[in-house]
Amino acid sequence: PGLIYQIDESAIVTVRSQVNGFLYLIYVHADGTATLLFPNEHEPENRVTKGGSYTIPGPEAGFRLAVSPPTGTGLVKACARQEKLIDQCRWSGKRGRTSGAR
């Protein structure tokens, strides 16, 4: 069972890393398109340590993950890799937003 969010609510993602490496959060929209949520221009540092717990966005992040239309069933995927996959992160016009995160 997933979480159900209302329009303009803020989502917060907490993950625990199983490896030393780099964390990536990807939101898969209801239509199958994907948006990189983290790292981003507000929180570019994505290094994590094994066993560490991380909350995105952090308390001083300067952005929020606000739910916006269109609504539907979406999915947040977290991936921690030992090697850095992305050097320069860019937002896809969705700046800290999700579409009916669930």
N, C-alpha and C. Protein backbone atom coordinates (compact mmCIF):
# COMPACT_ATOMS: atom_id res chain seq x y z
N PRO A 1 0.83 -1.19 0.00
CA PRO A 1 0.00 0.00 0.00
C PRO A 1 0.88 1.25 0.00
N GLY A 2 0.54 2.19 -0.85
CA GLY A 2 1.32 3.41 -0.95
C GLY A 2 0.67 4.56 -0.21
N LEU A 3 1.35 5.67 -0.23
CA LEU A 3 0.83 6.88 0.38
C LEU A 3 -0.02 7.62 -0.64
N ILE A 4 -1.04 8.28 -0.17
CA ILE A 4 -1.89 9.07 -1.05
C ILE A 4 -1.73 10.53 -0.66
N TYR A 5 -1.37 11.35 -1.64
CA TYR A 5 -1.17 12.78 -1.42
C TYR A 5 -2.24 13.57 -2.13
N GLN A 6 -2.56 14.73 -1.58
CA GLN A 6 -3.50 15.66 -2.18
C GLN A 6 -2.70 16.75 -2.92
N ILE A 7 -3.37 17.42 -3.87
CA ILE A 7 -2.74 18.50 -4.62
C ILE A 7 -2.17 19.53 -3.64
N ASP A 8 -0.94 19.97 -3.91
CA ASP A 8 -0.17 20.97 -3.17
C ASP A 8 0.37 20.48 -1.83
N GLU A 9 0.15 19.22 -1.46
CA GLU A 9 0.83 18.67 -0.29
C GLU A 9 2.30 18.49 -0.63
N SER A 10 3.12 18.47 0.40
CA SER A 10 4.54 18.23 0.21
C SER A 10 4.88 16.79 0.55
N ALA A 11 5.65 16.17 -0.30
CA ALA A 11 6.12 14.81 -0.05
C ALA A 11 7.54 14.89 0.51
N ILE A 12 7.86 13.97 1.39
CA ILE A 12 9.21 13.84 1.94
C ILE A 12 9.61 12.38 1.79
N VAL A 13 10.82 12.15 1.30
CA VAL A 13 11.31 10.80 1.08
C VAL A 13 12.47 10.55 2.05
N THR A 14 12.40 9.44 2.78
CA THR A 14 13.49 9.05 3.67
C THR A 14 14.00 7.68 3.22
N VAL A 15 15.31 7.59 3.05
CA VAL A 15 15.92 6.33 2.61
C VAL A 15 17.09 5.97 3.52
N ARG A 16 17.41 4.69 3.57
CA ARG A 16 18.59 4.21 4.28
C ARG A 16 19.46 3.51 3.25
N SER A 17 20.71 3.92 3.18
CA SER A 17 21.61 3.38 2.17
C SER A 17 22.21 2.04 2.62
N GLN A 18 22.30 1.12 1.67
CA GLN A 18 22.94 -0.17 1.92
C GLN A 18 24.37 -0.20 1.41
N VAL A 19 24.82 0.91 0.79
CA VAL A 19 26.18 0.99 0.25
C VAL A 19 26.76 2.37 0.51
N ASN A 20 28.09 2.47 0.47
CA ASN A 20 28.75 3.76 0.37
C ASN A 20 28.68 4.15 -1.09
N GLY A 21 28.21 5.34 -1.38
CA GLY A 21 28.12 5.72 -2.79
C GLY A 21 27.33 6.99 -2.99
N PHE A 22 26.48 6.97 -4.02
CA PHE A 22 25.76 8.16 -4.45
C PHE A 22 24.27 7.81 -4.60
N LEU A 23 23.41 8.66 -4.03
CA LEU A 23 21.98 8.43 -4.02
C LEU A 23 21.29 9.18 -5.15
N TYR A 24 20.33 8.51 -5.80
CA TYR A 24 19.50 9.12 -6.84
C TYR A 24 18.05 8.81 -6.53
N LEU A 25 17.19 9.82 -6.60
CA LEU A 25 15.74 9.64 -6.47
C LEU A 25 15.11 10.02 -7.79
N ILE A 26 14.30 9.13 -8.33
CA ILE A 26 13.63 9.35 -9.60
C ILE A 26 12.15 9.16 -9.39
N TYR A 27 11.36 10.13 -9.87
CA TYR A 27 9.91 10.02 -9.80
C TYR A 27 9.40 9.54 -11.15
N VAL A 28 8.68 8.43 -11.15
CA VAL A 28 8.06 7.90 -12.37
C VAL A 28 6.60 8.32 -12.34
N HIS A 29 6.23 9.21 -13.27
CA HIS A 29 4.88 9.76 -13.34
C HIS A 29 3.89 8.69 -13.79
N ALA A 30 2.61 8.98 -13.58
CA ALA A 30 1.55 8.06 -13.97
C ALA A 30 1.61 7.72 -15.45
N ASP A 31 2.09 8.65 -16.29
CA ASP A 31 2.17 8.39 -17.74
C ASP A 31 3.46 7.67 -18.15
N GLY A 32 4.32 7.33 -17.16
CA GLY A 32 5.54 6.59 -17.44
C GLY A 32 6.78 7.45 -17.63
N THR A 33 6.62 8.78 -17.74
CA THR A 33 7.80 9.64 -17.85
C THR A 33 8.47 9.74 -16.49
N ALA A 34 9.74 10.11 -16.49
CA ALA A 34 10.50 10.16 -15.25
C ALA A 34 11.14 11.53 -15.04
N THR A 35 11.25 11.91 -13.77
CA THR A 35 11.90 13.17 -13.38
C THR A 35 12.92 12.86 -12.30
N LEU A 36 14.14 13.36 -12.46
CA LEU A 36 15.16 13.22 -11.43
C LEU A 36 14.84 14.21 -10.31
N LEU A 37 14.55 13.69 -9.12
CA LEU A 37 14.25 14.54 -7.97
C LEU A 37 15.50 14.91 -7.19
N PHE A 38 16.44 13.99 -7.14
CA PHE A 38 17.65 14.18 -6.34
C PHE A 38 18.78 13.35 -6.93
N PRO A 39 19.96 13.93 -7.08
CA PRO A 39 20.39 15.27 -6.68
C PRO A 39 19.79 16.33 -7.59
N ASN A 40 19.87 17.58 -7.16
CA ASN A 40 19.33 18.67 -7.95
C ASN A 40 20.11 19.95 -7.67
N GLU A 41 19.68 21.04 -8.27
CA GLU A 41 20.41 22.30 -8.13
C GLU A 41 20.39 22.83 -6.70
N HIS A 42 19.42 22.45 -5.90
CA HIS A 42 19.34 22.91 -4.51
C HIS A 42 20.12 22.00 -3.56
N GLU A 43 20.17 20.72 -3.86
CA GLU A 43 20.91 19.75 -3.07
C GLU A 43 21.75 18.89 -4.02
N PRO A 44 22.87 19.43 -4.49
CA PRO A 44 23.67 18.70 -5.47
C PRO A 44 24.51 17.57 -4.87
N GLU A 45 24.79 17.63 -3.57
CA GLU A 45 25.64 16.61 -2.94
C GLU A 45 24.82 15.37 -2.63
N ASN A 46 25.13 14.27 -3.29
CA ASN A 46 24.35 13.05 -3.13
C ASN A 46 25.16 11.87 -2.58
N ARG A 47 26.33 12.16 -2.01
CA ARG A 47 27.14 11.08 -1.43
C ARG A 47 26.45 10.55 -0.18
N VAL A 48 26.39 9.22 -0.05
CA VAL A 48 25.78 8.57 1.10
C VAL A 48 26.73 7.53 1.67
N THR A 49 26.51 7.17 2.93
CA THR A 49 27.32 6.14 3.56
C THR A 49 26.44 4.96 3.95
N LYS A 50 27.02 3.79 3.90
CA LYS A 50 26.31 2.56 4.24
C LYS A 50 25.69 2.68 5.63
N GLY A 51 24.39 2.39 5.73
CA GLY A 51 23.67 2.45 6.99
C GLY A 51 23.13 3.83 7.33
N GLY A 52 23.51 4.84 6.53
CA GLY A 52 23.05 6.20 6.79
C GLY A 52 21.60 6.40 6.38
N SER A 53 20.90 7.26 7.10
CA SER A 53 19.51 7.59 6.79
C SER A 53 19.48 9.01 6.25
N TYR A 54 18.74 9.21 5.14
CA TYR A 54 18.72 10.49 4.44
C TYR A 54 17.28 10.89 4.14
N THR A 55 16.97 12.16 4.38
CA THR A 55 15.64 12.70 4.12
C THR A 55 15.75 13.73 3.00
N ILE A 56 14.92 13.56 1.98
CA ILE A 56 14.89 14.46 0.83
C ILE A 56 13.48 15.04 0.72
N PRO A 57 13.30 16.33 0.64
CA PRO A 57 14.35 17.34 0.80
C PRO A 57 14.75 17.49 2.27
N GLY A 58 15.99 17.88 2.48
CA GLY A 58 16.48 18.13 3.82
C GLY A 58 15.85 19.41 4.37
N PRO A 59 15.99 19.65 5.67
CA PRO A 59 15.34 20.80 6.30
C PRO A 59 15.81 22.16 5.76
N GLU A 60 17.01 22.23 5.24
CA GLU A 60 17.55 23.49 4.71
C GLU A 60 17.68 23.45 3.19
N ALA A 61 16.90 22.62 2.52
CA ALA A 61 17.07 22.35 1.09
C ALA A 61 16.71 23.51 0.18
N GLY A 62 15.76 24.33 0.55
CA GLY A 62 15.36 25.43 -0.32
C GLY A 62 14.39 25.02 -1.42
N PHE A 63 13.80 23.83 -1.31
CA PHE A 63 12.78 23.39 -2.25
C PHE A 63 11.88 22.40 -1.54
N ARG A 64 10.76 22.08 -2.18
CA ARG A 64 9.87 21.06 -1.65
C ARG A 64 9.36 20.21 -2.80
N LEU A 65 8.94 19.01 -2.49
CA LEU A 65 8.34 18.12 -3.47
C LEU A 65 6.83 18.29 -3.35
N ALA A 66 6.28 19.21 -4.13
CA ALA A 66 4.86 19.55 -4.05
C ALA A 66 4.07 18.76 -5.07
N VAL A 67 2.99 18.15 -4.64
CA VAL A 67 2.13 17.37 -5.51
C VAL A 67 1.31 18.31 -6.38
N SER A 68 1.29 18.04 -7.69
CA SER A 68 0.57 18.90 -8.63
C SER A 68 -0.11 18.03 -9.70
N PRO A 69 -1.12 18.59 -10.38
CA PRO A 69 -1.78 17.84 -11.44
C PRO A 69 -0.81 17.55 -12.59
N PRO A 70 -1.02 16.56 -13.39
CA PRO A 70 -2.15 15.63 -13.31
C PRO A 70 -1.93 14.59 -12.22
N THR A 71 -3.00 14.13 -11.65
CA THR A 71 -2.89 13.14 -10.58
C THR A 71 -2.92 11.73 -11.17
N GLY A 72 -2.57 10.78 -10.36
CA GLY A 72 -2.54 9.39 -10.78
C GLY A 72 -1.56 8.64 -9.89
N THR A 73 -1.31 7.42 -10.24
CA THR A 73 -0.39 6.60 -9.46
C THR A 73 1.01 6.77 -9.99
N GLY A 74 1.89 7.27 -9.14
CA GLY A 74 3.29 7.45 -9.50
C GLY A 74 4.15 6.63 -8.57
N LEU A 75 5.44 6.69 -8.80
CA LEU A 75 6.38 5.87 -8.03
C LEU A 75 7.69 6.61 -7.86
N VAL A 76 8.20 6.64 -6.63
CA VAL A 76 9.53 7.19 -6.38
C VAL A 76 10.49 6.02 -6.27
N LYS A 77 11.53 6.05 -7.09
CA LYS A 77 12.55 5.01 -7.07
C LYS A 77 13.82 5.60 -6.46
N ALA A 78 14.40 4.89 -5.52
CA ALA A 78 15.67 5.30 -4.91
C ALA A 78 16.74 4.32 -5.34
N CYS A 79 17.88 4.84 -5.71
CA CYS A 79 18.99 4.00 -6.15
C CYS A 79 20.28 4.57 -5.58
N ALA A 80 21.04 3.76 -4.88
CA ALA A 80 22.36 4.16 -4.39
C ALA A 80 23.39 3.31 -5.11
N ARG A 81 24.32 3.99 -5.76
CA ARG A 81 25.35 3.31 -6.55
C ARG A 81 26.73 3.66 -6.00
N GLN A 82 27.67 2.75 -6.14
CA GLN A 82 29.02 3.02 -5.68
C GLN A 82 29.73 4.04 -6.56
N GLU A 83 29.33 4.12 -7.81
CA GLU A 83 29.94 5.11 -8.70
C GLU A 83 28.93 6.21 -9.01
N LYS A 84 29.45 7.42 -9.23
CA LYS A 84 28.59 8.56 -9.55
C LYS A 84 28.11 8.42 -10.99
N LEU A 85 26.80 8.48 -11.19
CA LEU A 85 26.23 8.31 -12.53
C LEU A 85 26.04 9.61 -13.26
N ILE A 86 25.76 10.67 -12.52
CA ILE A 86 25.43 11.95 -13.14
C ILE A 86 26.31 13.03 -12.52
N ASP A 87 27.04 13.76 -13.35
CA ASP A 87 27.88 14.83 -12.83
C ASP A 87 27.13 16.14 -12.71
N GLN A 88 26.39 16.49 -13.72
CA GLN A 88 25.66 17.76 -13.72
C GLN A 88 24.18 17.47 -13.75
N CYS A 89 23.48 17.77 -12.70
CA CYS A 89 22.05 17.48 -12.63
C CYS A 89 21.25 18.65 -13.15
N ARG A 90 20.23 18.34 -13.91
CA ARG A 90 19.35 19.37 -14.44
C ARG A 90 17.91 18.97 -14.16
N TRP A 91 17.10 19.93 -13.85
CA TRP A 91 15.68 19.70 -13.64
C TRP A 91 15.01 19.67 -14.99
N SER A 92 13.94 18.91 -15.09
CA SER A 92 13.22 18.78 -16.36
C SER A 92 11.98 19.67 -16.37
N GLY A 93 12.08 20.85 -15.76
CA GLY A 93 10.94 21.76 -15.75
C GLY A 93 9.93 21.43 -14.68
N LYS A 94 10.18 20.45 -13.84
CA LYS A 94 9.23 20.03 -12.82
C LYS A 94 9.69 20.49 -11.44
N ARG A 95 10.64 21.33 -11.34
CA ARG A 95 11.27 21.86 -10.15
C ARG A 95 10.61 21.46 -8.83
N GLY A 96 11.03 20.35 -8.28
CA GLY A 96 10.57 19.92 -6.97
C GLY A 96 9.11 19.51 -6.93
N ARG A 97 8.57 19.10 -8.05
CA ARG A 97 7.15 18.74 -8.09
C ARG A 97 6.98 17.30 -8.47
N THR A 98 5.89 16.74 -8.00
CA THR A 98 5.51 15.40 -8.40
C THR A 98 4.12 15.48 -9.00
N SER A 99 3.67 14.44 -9.61
CA SER A 99 2.32 14.40 -10.19
C SER A 99 1.50 13.34 -9.49
N GLY A 100 0.79 13.72 -8.49
CA GLY A 100 -0.05 12.77 -7.78
C GLY A 100 0.75 11.65 -7.17
N ALA A 101 1.83 11.98 -6.47
CA ALA A 101 2.70 10.95 -5.88
C ALA A 101 1.88 10.01 -5.04
N ARG A 102 2.21 8.76 -5.12
CA ARG A 102 1.47 7.78 -4.35
C ARG A 102 2.42 6.77 -3.77
